């Protein structure tokens, strides 16, 4: 399969609504040791090739996760909304592959408490 992560990375960094918030702090899979916030972290699982008894169908599904993090919940929520708008119903070409649709399958909120025991977490 062609590489989708650079495509996702470029989509995120080419959107000024997003970069106005995170700058260039868009990471794939791993964060720096002491990251600055806000930031976006994305990863993707192995591709799932669709197959029939006659062989590959030609469709590939690539599950991805995108996390929007900040120490302020309102900033993180605003960033989530910007990412949703960017990807909602996207179709087009990515690295020579036709992308038929990008859809959200689930959403969750989480809070990571800070090391100092304060109220502002991630």
PDB file of N, CA and C in Angstrom:
ATOM      1  N   UNK A   1       0.827  -1.184   0.000  1.00  0.00           N
ATOM      2  CA  UNK A   1       0.000   0.000   0.000  1.00  0.00           C
ATOM      3  C   UNK A   1       0.868   1.243   0.000  1.00  0.00           C
ATOM      4  N   UNK A   2       0.401   2.288  -0.612  1.00  0.00           N
ATOM      5  CA  UNK A   2       1.093   3.574  -0.575  1.00  0.00           C
ATOM      6  C   UNK A   2       1.019   4.117   0.848  1.00  0.00           C
ATOM      7  N   UNK A   3       1.930   5.002   1.182  1.00  0.00           N
ATOM      8  CA  UNK A   3       2.003   5.545   2.534  1.00  0.00           C
ATOM      9  C   UNK A   3       0.937   6.604   2.794  1.00  0.00           C
ATOM     10  N   UNK A   4      -0.016   6.307   3.655  1.00  0.00           N
ATOM     11  CA  UNK A   4      -1.006   7.299   4.046  1.00  0.00           C
ATOM     12  C   UNK A   4      -0.514   8.259   5.130  1.00  0.00           C
ATOM     13  N   UNK A   5       0.353   7.843   6.064  1.00  0.00           N
ATOM     14  CA  UNK A   5       0.755   8.784   7.104  1.00  0.00           C
ATOM     15  C   UNK A   5       1.302  10.116   6.596  1.00  0.00           C
ATOM     16  N   UNK A   6       2.177  10.151   5.557  1.00  0.00           N
ATOM     17  CA  UNK A   6       2.614  11.470   5.093  1.00  0.00           C
ATOM     18  C   UNK A   6       1.447  12.309   4.564  1.00  0.00           C
ATOM     19  N   UNK A   7       0.473  11.651   3.965  1.00  0.00           N
ATOM     20  CA  UNK A   7      -0.700  12.339   3.452  1.00  0.00           C
ATOM     21  C   UNK A   7      -1.495  12.965   4.607  1.00  0.00           C
ATOM     22  N   UNK A   8      -1.716  12.204   5.675  1.00  0.00           N
ATOM     23  CA  UNK A   8      -2.438  12.721   6.842  1.00  0.00           C
ATOM     24  C   UNK A   8      -1.644  13.864   7.467  1.00  0.00           C
ATOM     25  N   UNK A   9      -0.347  13.667   7.601  1.00  0.00           N
ATOM     26  CA  UNK A   9       0.540  14.687   8.161  1.00  0.00           C
ATOM     27  C   UNK A   9       0.439  15.981   7.349  1.00  0.00           C
ATOM     28  N   UNK A  10       0.529  15.868   6.032  1.00  0.00           N
ATOM     29  CA  UNK A  10       0.454  17.053   5.179  1.00  0.00           C
ATOM     30  C   UNK A  10      -0.916  17.718   5.236  1.00  0.00           C
ATOM     31  N   UNK A  11      -1.978  16.929   5.288  1.00  0.00           N
ATOM     32  CA  UNK A  11      -3.316  17.532   5.410  1.00  0.00           C
ATOM     33  C   UNK A  11      -3.407  18.367   6.684  1.00  0.00           C
ATOM     34  N   UNK A  12      -2.913  17.819   7.790  1.00  0.00           N
ATOM     35  CA  UNK A  12      -2.972  18.537   9.061  1.00  0.00           C
ATOM     36  C   UNK A  12      -2.120  19.807   9.023  1.00  0.00           C
ATOM     37  N   UNK A  13      -0.919  19.717   8.462  1.00  0.00           N
ATOM     38  CA  UNK A  13      -0.019  20.870   8.432  1.00  0.00           C
ATOM     39  C   UNK A  13      -0.377  21.897   7.359  1.00  0.00           C
ATOM     40  N   UNK A  14      -1.181  21.525   6.387  1.00  0.00           N
ATOM     41  CA  UNK A  14      -1.591  22.470   5.349  1.00  0.00           C
ATOM     42  C   UNK A  14      -2.864  23.219   5.699  1.00  0.00           C
ATOM     43  N   UNK A  15      -3.470  22.890   6.824  1.00  0.00           N
ATOM     44  CA  UNK A  15      -4.702  23.556   7.246  1.00  0.00           C
ATOM     45  C   UNK A  15      -4.342  24.674   8.231  1.00  0.00           C
ATOM     46  N   UNK A  16      -4.524  25.927   7.813  1.00  0.00           N
ATOM     47  CA  UNK A  16      -4.112  27.049   8.667  1.00  0.00           C
ATOM     48  C   UNK A  16      -4.936  27.161   9.940  1.00  0.00           C
ATOM     49  N   UNK A  17      -6.186  26.705   9.925  1.00  0.00           N
ATOM     50  CA  UNK A  17      -6.980  26.718  11.165  1.00  0.00           C
ATOM     51  C   UNK A  17      -6.320  25.832  12.224  1.00  0.00           C
ATOM     52  N   UNK A  18      -5.719  24.742  11.779  1.00  0.00           N
ATOM     53  CA  UNK A  18      -5.053  23.818  12.700  1.00  0.00           C
ATOM     54  C   UNK A  18      -3.665  24.333  13.081  1.00  0.00           C
ATOM     55  N   UNK A  19      -2.882  24.755  12.094  1.00  0.00           N
ATOM     56  CA  UNK A  19      -1.526  25.213  12.409  1.00  0.00           C
ATOM     57  C   UNK A  19      -1.517  26.512  13.210  1.00  0.00           C
ATOM     58  N   UNK A  20      -2.580  27.296  13.126  1.00  0.00           N
ATOM     59  CA  UNK A  20      -2.678  28.485  13.983  1.00  0.00           C
ATOM     60  C   UNK A  20      -2.712  28.083  15.456  1.00  0.00           C
ATOM     61  N   UNK A  21      -3.170  26.867  15.737  1.00  0.00           N
ATOM     62  CA  UNK A  21      -3.267  26.373  17.117  1.00  0.00           C
ATOM     63  C   UNK A  21      -2.026  25.575  17.511  1.00  0.00           C
ATOM     64  N   UNK A  22      -1.599  24.630  16.659  1.00  0.00           N
ATOM     65  CA  UNK A  22      -0.516  23.716  17.036  1.00  0.00           C
ATOM     66  C   UNK A  22       0.842  24.054  16.431  1.00  0.00           C
ATOM     67  N   UNK A  23       0.893  24.975  15.494  1.00  0.00           N
ATOM     68  CA  UNK A  23       2.156  25.232  14.803  1.00  0.00           C
ATOM     69  C   UNK A  23       2.550  23.994  14.023  1.00  0.00           C
ATOM     70  N   UNK A  24       3.770  23.507  14.236  1.00  0.00           N
ATOM     71  CA  UNK A  24       4.208  22.289  13.542  1.00  0.00           C
ATOM     72  C   UNK A  24       4.223  21.076  14.469  1.00  0.00           C
ATOM     73  N   UNK A  25       3.511  21.155  15.588  1.00  0.00           N
ATOM     74  CA  UNK A  25       3.504  20.061  16.566  1.00  0.00           C
ATOM     75  C   UNK A  25       2.470  18.987  16.184  1.00  0.00           C
ATOM     76  N   UNK A  26       2.746  18.323  15.081  1.00  0.00           N
ATOM     77  CA  UNK A  26       1.948  17.196  14.602  1.00  0.00           C
ATOM     78  C   UNK A  26       2.898  16.010  14.560  1.00  0.00           C
ATOM     79  N   UNK A  27       2.567  14.954  15.295  1.00  0.00           N
ATOM     80  CA  UNK A  27       3.474  13.821  15.446  1.00  0.00           C
ATOM     81  C   UNK A  27       2.790  12.529  15.031  1.00  0.00           C
ATOM     82  N   UNK A  28       3.604  11.622  14.497  1.00  0.00           N
ATOM     83  CA  UNK A  28       3.099  10.293  14.162  1.00  0.00           C
ATOM     84  C   UNK A  28       3.637   9.295  15.178  1.00  0.00           C
ATOM     85  N   UNK A  29       2.752   8.600  15.840  1.00  0.00           N
ATOM     86  CA  UNK A  29       3.024   7.472  16.729  1.00  0.00           C
ATOM     87  C   UNK A  29       3.659   7.853  18.058  1.00  0.00           C
ATOM     88  N   UNK A  30       4.733   8.640  18.066  1.00  0.00           N
ATOM     89  CA  UNK A  30       5.435   8.956  19.314  1.00  0.00           C
ATOM     90  C   UNK A  30       5.590  10.450  19.508  1.00  0.00           C
ATOM     91  N   UNK A  31       5.548  10.845  20.778  1.00  0.00           N
ATOM     92  CA  UNK A  31       5.761  12.246  21.137  1.00  0.00           C
ATOM     93  C   UNK A  31       7.209  12.452  21.563  1.00  0.00           C
ATOM     94  N   UNK A  32       7.702  13.680  21.477  1.00  0.00           N
ATOM     95  CA  UNK A  32       9.000  13.967  22.062  1.00  0.00           C
ATOM     96  C   UNK A  32       8.942  13.745  23.572  1.00  0.00           C
ATOM     97  N   UNK A  33      10.077  13.656  24.205  1.00  0.00           N
ATOM     98  CA  UNK A  33      10.132  13.372  25.637  1.00  0.00           C
ATOM     99  C   UNK A  33       9.349  14.395  26.467  1.00  0.00           C
ATOM    100  N   UNK A  34       9.517  15.669  26.208  1.00  0.00           N
ATOM    101  CA  UNK A  34       8.784  16.720  26.929  1.00  0.00           C
ATOM    102  C   UNK A  34       8.116  17.621  25.893  1.00  0.00           C
ATOM    103  N   UNK A  35       6.967  17.205  25.390  1.00  0.00           N
ATOM    104  CA  UNK A  35       6.335  17.961  24.307  1.00  0.00           C
ATOM    105  C   UNK A  35       5.746  19.289  24.792  1.00  0.00           C
ATOM    106  N   UNK A  36       5.634  20.209  23.869  1.00  0.00           N
ATOM    107  CA  UNK A  36       4.907  21.457  24.104  1.00  0.00           C
ATOM    108  C   UNK A  36       3.482  21.249  23.619  1.00  0.00           C
ATOM    109  N   UNK A  37       2.554  21.943  24.228  1.00  0.00           N
ATOM    110  CA  UNK A  37       1.136  21.813  23.876  1.00  0.00           C
ATOM    111  C   UNK A  37       0.629  23.146  23.350  1.00  0.00           C
ATOM    112  N   UNK A  38      -0.439  23.111  22.566  1.00  0.00           N
ATOM    113  CA  UNK A  38      -1.222  21.968  22.087  1.00  0.00           C
ATOM    114  C   UNK A  38      -0.479  21.212  20.991  1.00  0.00           C
ATOM    115  N   UNK A  39      -0.961  19.972  20.742  1.00  0.00           N
ATOM    116  CA  UNK A  39      -0.344  19.133  19.724  1.00  0.00           C
ATOM    117  C   UNK A  39      -1.348  18.129  19.192  1.00  0.00           C
ATOM    118  N   UNK A  40      -0.972  17.512  18.082  1.00  0.00           N
ATOM    119  CA  UNK A  40      -1.761  16.425  17.490  1.00  0.00           C
ATOM    120  C   UNK A  40      -0.853  15.212  17.361  1.00  0.00           C
ATOM    121  N   UNK A  41      -1.367  14.069  17.773  1.00  0.00           N
ATOM    122  CA  UNK A  41      -0.666  12.796  17.652  1.00  0.00           C
ATOM    123  C   UNK A  41      -1.558  11.868  16.834  1.00  0.00           C
ATOM    124  N   UNK A  42      -1.000  11.271  15.785  1.00  0.00           N
ATOM    125  CA  UNK A  42      -1.809  10.324  15.012  1.00  0.00           C
ATOM    126  C   UNK A  42      -1.047   9.028  14.807  1.00  0.00           C
ATOM    127  N   UNK A  43      -1.803   7.968  14.617  1.00  0.00           N
ATOM    128  CA  UNK A  43      -1.227   6.661  14.325  1.00  0.00           C
ATOM    129  C   UNK A  43      -2.217   5.891  13.475  1.00  0.00           C
ATOM    130  N   UNK A  44      -1.741   4.841  12.872  1.00  0.00           N
ATOM    131  CA  UNK A  44      -2.666   3.999  12.111  1.00  0.00           C
ATOM    132  C   UNK A  44      -2.303   2.541  12.305  1.00  0.00           C
ATOM    133  N   UNK A  45      -3.336   1.710  12.231  1.00  0.00           N
ATOM    134  CA  UNK A  45      -3.161   0.273  12.374  1.00  0.00           C
ATOM    135  C   UNK A  45      -2.816  -0.322  11.017  1.00  0.00           C
ATOM    136  N   UNK A  46      -2.542  -1.605  11.009  1.00  0.00           N
ATOM    137  CA  UNK A  46      -2.280  -2.285   9.745  1.00  0.00           C
ATOM    138  C   UNK A  46      -3.474  -2.145   8.816  1.00  0.00           C
ATOM    139  N   UNK A  47      -3.172  -2.100   7.545  1.00  0.00           N
ATOM    140  CA  UNK A  47      -4.225  -2.013   6.539  1.00  0.00           C
ATOM    141  C   UNK A  47      -4.994  -3.319   6.467  1.00  0.00           C
ATOM    142  N   UNK A  48      -6.286  -3.205   6.276  1.00  0.00           N
ATOM    143  CA  UNK A  48      -7.128  -4.382   6.105  1.00  0.00           C
ATOM    144  C   UNK A  48      -7.524  -4.490   4.645  1.00  0.00           C
ATOM    145  N   UNK A  49      -6.934  -5.436   3.929  1.00  0.00           N
ATOM    146  CA  UNK A  49      -7.304  -5.656   2.536  1.00  0.00           C
ATOM    147  C   UNK A  49      -8.623  -6.415   2.494  1.00  0.00           C
ATOM    148  N   UNK A  50      -9.527  -5.940   1.679  1.00  0.00           N
ATOM    149  CA  UNK A  50     -10.790  -6.643   1.470  1.00  0.00           C
ATOM    150  C   UNK A  50     -10.543  -7.755   0.457  1.00  0.00           C
ATOM    151  N   UNK A  51     -11.004  -8.957   0.753  1.00  0.00           N
ATOM    152  CA  UNK A  51     -10.771 -10.074  -0.147  1.00  0.00           C
ATOM    153  C   UNK A  51     -12.048 -10.877  -0.362  1.00  0.00           C
ATOM    154  N   UNK A  52     -12.089 -11.546  -1.488  1.00  0.00           N
ATOM    155  CA  UNK A  52     -13.183 -12.462  -1.807  1.00  0.00           C
ATOM    156  C   UNK A  52     -12.564 -13.831  -2.070  1.00  0.00           C
ATOM    157  N   UNK A  53     -13.367 -14.795  -2.393  1.00  0.00           N
ATOM    158  CA  UNK A  53     -12.837 -16.123  -2.723  1.00  0.00           C
ATOM    159  C   UNK A  53     -11.977 -16.089  -3.983  1.00  0.00           C
ATOM    160  N   UNK A  54     -12.226 -15.093  -4.827  1.00  0.00           N
ATOM    161  CA  UNK A  54     -11.473 -14.974  -6.072  1.00  0.00           C
ATOM    162  C   UNK A  54     -10.198 -14.162  -5.918  1.00  0.00           C
ATOM    163  N   UNK A  55      -9.944 -13.638  -4.721  1.00  0.00           N
ATOM    164  CA  UNK A  55      -8.729 -12.858  -4.501  1.00  0.00           C
ATOM    165  C   UNK A  55      -9.039 -11.474  -3.955  1.00  0.00           C
ATOM    166  N   UNK A  56      -8.036 -10.601  -3.963  1.00  0.00           N
ATOM    167  CA  UNK A  56      -8.217  -9.258  -3.402  1.00  0.00           C
ATOM    168  C   UNK A  56      -9.289  -8.469  -4.139  1.00  0.00           C
ATOM    169  N   UNK A  57     -10.066  -7.742  -3.386  1.00  0.00           N
ATOM    170  CA  UNK A  57     -11.135  -6.929  -3.953  1.00  0.00           C
ATOM    171  C   UNK A  57     -10.592  -5.593  -4.445  1.00  0.00           C
ATOM    172  N   UNK A  58      -9.472  -5.171  -3.887  1.00  0.00           N
ATOM    173  CA  UNK A  58      -8.900  -3.899  -4.305  1.00  0.00           C
ATOM    174  C   UNK A  58      -9.182  -2.770  -3.330  1.00  0.00           C
ATOM    175  N   UNK A  59     -10.045  -3.011  -2.364  1.00  0.00           N
ATOM    176  CA  UNK A  59     -10.363  -1.999  -1.360  1.00  0.00           C
ATOM    177  C   UNK A  59      -9.473  -2.222  -0.147  1.00  0.00           C
ATOM    178  N   UNK A  60      -8.953  -1.149   0.405  1.00  0.00           N
ATOM    179  CA  UNK A  60      -8.134  -1.236   1.604  1.00  0.00           C
ATOM    180  C   UNK A  60      -8.696  -0.272   2.633  1.00  0.00           C
ATOM    181  N   UNK A  61      -8.907  -0.773   3.833  1.00  0.00           N
ATOM    182  CA  UNK A  61      -9.381   0.060   4.928  1.00  0.00           C
ATOM    183  C   UNK A  61      -8.205   0.276   5.878  1.00  0.00           C
ATOM    184  N   UNK A  62      -7.956   1.540   6.242  1.00  0.00           N
ATOM    185  CA  UNK A  62      -6.841   1.864   7.119  1.00  0.00           C
ATOM    186  C   UNK A  62      -7.358   2.582   8.361  1.00  0.00           C
ATOM    187  N   UNK A  63      -7.552   1.854   9.460  1.00  0.00           N
ATOM    188  CA  UNK A  63      -8.005   2.502  10.699  1.00  0.00           C
ATOM    189  C   UNK A  63      -6.907   3.408  11.264  1.00  0.00           C
ATOM    190  N   UNK A  64      -7.290   4.623  11.653  1.00  0.00           N
ATOM    191  CA  UNK A  64      -6.350   5.590  12.208  1.00  0.00           C
ATOM    192  C   UNK A  64      -6.898   6.178  13.491  1.00  0.00           C
ATOM    193  N   UNK A  65      -6.003   6.659  14.300  1.00  0.00           N
ATOM    194  CA  UNK A  65      -6.377   7.393  15.502  1.00  0.00           C
ATOM    195  C   UNK A  65      -5.721   8.756  15.470  1.00  0.00           C
ATOM    196  N   UNK A  66      -6.472   9.785  15.822  1.00  0.00           N
ATOM    197  CA  UNK A  66      -5.931  11.144  15.884  1.00  0.00           C
ATOM    198  C   UNK A  66      -6.275  11.701  17.257  1.00  0.00           C
ATOM    199  N   UNK A  67      -5.248  12.102  17.999  1.00  0.00           N
ATOM    200  CA  UNK A  67      -5.441  12.678  19.333  1.00  0.00           C
ATOM    201  C   UNK A  67      -5.094  14.157  19.300  1.00  0.00           C
ATOM    202  N   UNK A  68      -5.945  14.956  19.898  1.00  0.00           N
ATOM    203  CA  UNK A  68      -5.700  16.390  20.043  1.00  0.00           C
ATOM    204  C   UNK A  68      -5.477  16.646  21.527  1.00  0.00           C
ATOM    205  N   UNK A  69      -4.303  17.154  21.866  1.00  0.00           N
ATOM    206  CA  UNK A  69      -3.953  17.305  23.279  1.00  0.00           C
ATOM    207  C   UNK A  69      -3.601  18.750  23.620  1.00  0.00           C
ATOM    208  N   UNK A  70      -4.008  19.147  24.805  1.00  0.00           N
ATOM    209  CA  UNK A  70      -3.618  20.435  25.370  1.00  0.00           C
ATOM    210  C   UNK A  70      -3.851  20.397  26.867  1.00  0.00           C
ATOM    211  N   UNK A  71      -3.262  21.324  27.586  1.00  0.00           N
ATOM    212  CA  UNK A  71      -3.485  21.401  29.027  1.00  0.00           C
ATOM    213  C   UNK A  71      -4.804  22.082  29.344  1.00  0.00           C
ATOM    214  N   UNK A  72      -5.409  22.721  28.371  1.00  0.00           N
ATOM    215  CA  UNK A  72      -6.704  23.387  28.528  1.00  0.00           C
ATOM    216  C   UNK A  72      -7.745  22.610  27.715  1.00  0.00           C
ATOM    217  N   UNK A  73      -8.750  22.085  28.396  1.00  0.00           N
ATOM    218  CA  UNK A  73      -9.764  21.253  27.733  1.00  0.00           C
ATOM    219  C   UNK A  73     -10.478  21.996  26.605  1.00  0.00           C
ATOM    220  N   UNK A  74     -10.730  23.294  26.776  1.00  0.00           N
ATOM    221  CA  UNK A  74     -11.422  24.064  25.732  1.00  0.00           C
ATOM    222  C   UNK A  74     -10.578  24.163  24.460  1.00  0.00           C
ATOM    223  N   UNK A  75      -9.273  24.341  24.612  1.00  0.00           N
ATOM    224  CA  UNK A  75      -8.381  24.405  23.452  1.00  0.00           C
ATOM    225  C   UNK A  75      -8.353  23.054  22.750  1.00  0.00           C
ATOM    226  N   UNK A  76      -8.260  21.978  23.515  1.00  0.00           N
ATOM    227  CA  UNK A  76      -8.257  20.636  22.932  1.00  0.00           C
ATOM    228  C   UNK A  76      -9.569  20.362  22.189  1.00  0.00           C
ATOM    229  N   UNK A  77     -10.693  20.740  22.781  1.00  0.00           N
ATOM    230  CA  UNK A  77     -11.988  20.531  22.127  1.00  0.00           C
ATOM    231  C   UNK A  77     -12.100  21.336  20.836  1.00  0.00           C
ATOM    232  N   UNK A  78     -11.606  22.569  20.856  1.00  0.00           N
ATOM    233  CA  UNK A  78     -11.630  23.403  19.652  1.00  0.00           C
ATOM    234  C   UNK A  78     -10.774  22.774  18.556  1.00  0.00           C
ATOM    235  N   UNK A  79      -9.638  22.231  18.947  1.00  0.00           N
ATOM    236  CA  UNK A  79      -8.756  21.565  17.991  1.00  0.00           C
ATOM    237  C   UNK A  79      -9.416  20.313  17.411  1.00  0.00           C
ATOM    238  N   UNK A  80     -10.097  19.556  18.240  1.00  0.00           N
ATOM    239  CA  UNK A  80     -10.839  18.384  17.765  1.00  0.00           C
ATOM    240  C   UNK A  80     -11.850  18.794  16.700  1.00  0.00           C
ATOM    241  N   UNK A  81     -12.573  19.878  16.946  1.00  0.00           N
ATOM    242  CA  UNK A  81     -13.556  20.355  15.962  1.00  0.00           C
ATOM    243  C   UNK A  81     -12.894  20.718  14.638  1.00  0.00           C
ATOM    244  N   UNK A  82     -11.731  21.349  14.684  1.00  0.00           N
ATOM    245  CA  UNK A  82     -11.019  21.725  13.460  1.00  0.00           C
ATOM    246  C   UNK A  82     -10.580  20.481  12.678  1.00  0.00           C
ATOM    247  N   UNK A  83     -10.110  19.461  13.386  1.00  0.00           N
ATOM    248  CA  UNK A  83      -9.690  18.217  12.727  1.00  0.00           C
ATOM    249  C   UNK A  83     -10.904  17.514  12.120  1.00  0.00           C
ATOM    250  N   UNK A  84     -12.009  17.500  12.834  1.00  0.00           N
ATOM    251  CA  UNK A  84     -13.236  16.890  12.297  1.00  0.00           C
ATOM    252  C   UNK A  84     -13.656  17.548  10.993  1.00  0.00           C
ATOM    253  N   UNK A  85     -13.642  18.872  10.965  1.00  0.00           N
ATOM    254  CA  UNK A  85     -14.029  19.608   9.760  1.00  0.00           C
ATOM    255  C   UNK A  85     -13.087  19.270   8.607  1.00  0.00           C
ATOM    256  N   UNK A  86     -11.802  19.190   8.886  1.00  0.00           N
ATOM    257  CA  UNK A  86     -10.817  18.891   7.848  1.00  0.00           C
ATOM    258  C   UNK A  86     -11.069  17.543   7.181  1.00  0.00           C
ATOM    259  N   UNK A  87     -11.346  16.515   7.987  1.00  0.00           N
ATOM    260  CA  UNK A  87     -11.455  15.162   7.445  1.00  0.00           C
ATOM    261  C   UNK A  87     -12.877  14.715   7.114  1.00  0.00           C
ATOM    262  N   UNK A  88     -13.871  15.417   7.568  1.00  0.00           N
ATOM    263  CA  UNK A  88     -15.265  14.979   7.391  1.00  0.00           C
ATOM    264  C   UNK A  88     -15.594  14.737   5.921  1.00  0.00           C
ATOM    265  N   UNK A  89     -15.856  13.480   5.603  1.00  0.00           N
ATOM    266  CA  UNK A  89     -16.302  13.118   4.262  1.00  0.00           C
ATOM    267  C   UNK A  89     -15.273  13.333   3.165  1.00  0.00           C
ATOM    268  N   UNK A  90     -13.997  13.450   3.519  1.00  0.00           N
ATOM    269  CA  UNK A  90     -12.962  13.693   2.514  1.00  0.00           C
ATOM    270  C   UNK A  90     -12.939  12.577   1.477  1.00  0.00           C
ATOM    271  N   UNK A  91     -12.756  12.946   0.238  1.00  0.00           N
ATOM    272  CA  UNK A  91     -12.449  11.989  -0.825  1.00  0.00           C
ATOM    273  C   UNK A  91     -11.499  12.691  -1.784  1.00  0.00           C
ATOM    274  N   UNK A  92     -10.653  11.927  -2.420  1.00  0.00           N
ATOM    275  CA  UNK A  92      -9.675  12.504  -3.329  1.00  0.00           C
ATOM    276  C   UNK A  92      -8.554  11.520  -3.578  1.00  0.00           C
ATOM    277  N   UNK A  93      -7.389  12.030  -3.933  1.00  0.00           N
ATOM    278  CA  UNK A  93      -6.243  11.181  -4.233  1.00  0.00           C
ATOM    279  C   UNK A  93      -5.154  11.421  -3.204  1.00  0.00           C
ATOM    280  N   UNK A  94      -4.551  10.340  -2.732  1.00  0.00           N
ATOM    281  CA  UNK A  94      -3.463  10.423  -1.762  1.00  0.00           C
ATOM    282  C   UNK A  94      -2.344   9.497  -2.217  1.00  0.00           C
ATOM    283  N   UNK A  95      -1.232  10.061  -2.619  1.00  0.00           N
ATOM    284  CA  UNK A  95      -0.066   9.280  -3.026  1.00  0.00           C
ATOM    285  C   UNK A  95      -0.423   8.210  -4.053  1.00  0.00           C
ATOM    286  N   UNK A  96      -1.194   8.597  -5.035  1.00  0.00           N
ATOM    287  CA  UNK A  96      -1.535   7.682  -6.108  1.00  0.00           C
ATOM    288  C   UNK A  96      -2.684   6.737  -5.814  1.00  0.00           C
ATOM    289  N   UNK A  97      -3.250   6.819  -4.620  1.00  0.00           N
ATOM    290  CA  UNK A  97      -4.388   5.973  -4.261  1.00  0.00           C
ATOM    291  C   UNK A  97      -5.643   6.838  -4.177  1.00  0.00           C
ATOM    292  N   UNK A  98      -6.737   6.285  -4.622  1.00  0.00           N
ATOM    293  CA  UNK A  98      -8.006   6.998  -4.516  1.00  0.00           C
ATOM    294  C   UNK A  98      -8.586   6.782  -3.122  1.00  0.00           C
ATOM    295  N   UNK A  99      -8.846   7.875  -2.429  1.00  0.00           N
ATOM    296  CA  UNK A  99      -9.479   7.816  -1.112  1.00  0.00           C
ATOM    297  C   UNK A  99     -10.967   8.045  -1.338  1.00  0.00           C
ATOM    298  N   UNK A 100     -11.760   7.024  -1.046  1.00  0.00           N
ATOM    299  CA  UNK A 100     -13.197   7.128  -1.284  1.00  0.00           C
ATOM    300  C   UNK A 100     -13.905   7.893  -0.183  1.00  0.00           C
ATOM    301  N   UNK A 101     -13.429   7.746   1.049  1.00  0.00           N
ATOM    302  CA  UNK A 101     -14.124   8.379   2.165  1.00  0.00           C
ATOM    303  C   UNK A 101     -13.261   8.303   3.412  1.00  0.00           C
ATOM    304  N   UNK A 102     -13.336   9.321   4.232  1.00  0.00           N
ATOM    305  CA  UNK A 102     -12.760   9.282   5.572  1.00  0.00           C
ATOM    306  C   UNK A 102     -13.926   9.470   6.519  1.00  0.00           C
ATOM    307  N   UNK A 103     -14.131   8.527   7.411  1.00  0.00           N
ATOM    308  CA  UNK A 103     -15.264   8.618   8.323  1.00  0.00           C
ATOM    309  C   UNK A 103     -14.831   8.414   9.762  1.00  0.00           C
ATOM    310  N   UNK A 104     -15.538   9.066  10.639  1.00  0.00           N
ATOM    311  CA  UNK A 104     -15.256   8.935  12.066  1.00  0.00           C
ATOM    312  C   UNK A 104     -16.069   7.770  12.602  1.00  0.00           C
ATOM    313  N   UNK A 105     -15.402   6.857  13.289  1.00  0.00           N
ATOM    314  CA  UNK A 105     -16.106   5.705  13.832  1.00  0.00           C
ATOM    315  C   UNK A 105     -16.378   5.829  15.316  1.00  0.00           C
ATOM    316  N   UNK A 106     -15.574   6.622  16.015  1.00  0.00           N
ATOM    317  CA  UNK A 106     -15.816   6.804  17.444  1.00  0.00           C
ATOM    318  C   UNK A 106     -15.084   8.047  17.919  1.00  0.00           C
ATOM    319  N   UNK A 107     -15.458   8.481  19.094  1.00  0.00           N
ATOM    320  CA  UNK A 107     -14.803   9.624  19.716  1.00  0.00           C
ATOM    321  C   UNK A 107     -14.802   9.385  21.223  1.00  0.00           C
ATOM    322  N   UNK A 108     -13.745   9.818  21.870  1.00  0.00           N
ATOM    323  CA  UNK A 108     -13.709   9.693  23.320  1.00  0.00           C
ATOM    324  C   UNK A 108     -12.907  10.849  23.897  1.00  0.00           C
ATOM    325  N   UNK A 109     -13.227  11.220  25.094  1.00  0.00           N
ATOM    326  CA  UNK A 109     -12.488  12.243  25.827  1.00  0.00           C
ATOM    327  C   UNK A 109     -11.716  11.549  26.931  1.00  0.00           C
ATOM    328  N   UNK A 110     -10.548  12.046  27.194  1.00  0.00           N
ATOM    329  CA  UNK A 110      -9.797  11.512  28.318  1.00  0.00           C
ATOM    330  C   UNK A 110      -9.045  12.661  28.978  1.00  0.00           C
ATOM    331  N   UNK A 111      -8.690  12.474  30.218  1.00  0.00           N
ATOM    332  CA  UNK A 111      -7.968  13.485  30.986  1.00  0.00           C
ATOM    333  C   UNK A 111      -6.760  12.824  31.619  1.00  0.00           C
ATOM    334  N   UNK A 112      -5.598  13.376  31.354  1.00  0.00           N
ATOM    335  CA  UNK A 112      -4.374  12.871  31.967  1.00  0.00           C
ATOM    336  C   UNK A 112      -3.964  13.888  33.017  1.00  0.00           C
ATOM    337  N   UNK A 113      -4.015  13.525  34.300  1.00  0.00           N
ATOM    338  CA  UNK A 113      -3.677  14.489  35.342  1.00  0.00           C
ATOM    339  C   UNK A 113      -2.210  14.895  35.287  1.00  0.00           C
ATOM    340  N   UNK A 114      -1.910  16.136  35.646  1.00  0.00           N
ATOM    341  CA  UNK A 114      -0.523  16.585  35.626  1.00  0.00           C
ATOM    342  C   UNK A 114       0.302  15.968  36.752  1.00  0.00           C
ATOM    343  N   UNK A 115       1.608  15.974  36.568  1.00  0.00           N
ATOM    344  CA  UNK A 115       2.516  15.408  37.564  1.00  0.00           C
ATOM    345  C   UNK A 115       2.461  16.149  38.894  1.00  0.00           C
ATOM    346  N   UNK A 116       2.115  17.453  38.852  1.00  0.00           N
ATOM    347  CA  UNK A 116       2.132  18.247  40.090  1.00  0.00           C
ATOM    348  C   UNK A 116       0.846  18.130  40.902  1.00  0.00           C
ATOM    349  N   UNK A 117      -0.106  17.329  40.451  1.00  0.00           N
ATOM    350  CA  UNK A 117      -1.357  17.144  41.180  1.00  0.00           C
ATOM    351  C   UNK A 117      -2.346  18.277  40.993  1.00  0.00           C
ATOM    352  N   UNK A 118      -2.052  19.225  40.111  1.00  0.00           N
ATOM    353  CA  UNK A 118      -2.961  20.347  39.853  1.00  0.00           C
ATOM    354  C   UNK A 118      -4.169  19.912  39.032  1.00  0.00           C
ATOM    355  N   UNK A 119      -4.984  20.875  38.693  1.00  0.00           N
ATOM    356  CA  UNK A 119      -6.210  20.591  37.952  1.00  0.00           C
ATOM    357  C   UNK A 119      -6.030  20.612  36.453  1.00  0.00           C
ATOM    358  N   UNK A 120      -5.004  21.291  35.967  1.00  0.00           N
ATOM    359  CA  UNK A 120      -4.801  21.362  34.522  1.00  0.00           C
ATOM    360  C   UNK A 120      -4.019  20.151  34.083  1.00  0.00           C
ATOM    361  N   UNK A 121      -4.655  19.325  33.297  1.00  0.00           N
ATOM    362  CA  UNK A 121      -4.014  18.105  32.805  1.00  0.00           C
ATOM    363  C   UNK A 121      -3.908  18.141  31.307  1.00  0.00           C
ATOM    364  N   UNK A 122      -3.832  16.981  30.717  1.00  0.00           N
ATOM    365  CA  UNK A 122      -3.727  16.866  29.260  1.00  0.00           C
ATOM    366  C   UNK A 122      -4.951  16.127  28.762  1.00  0.00           C
TER     367      UNK A 122
END
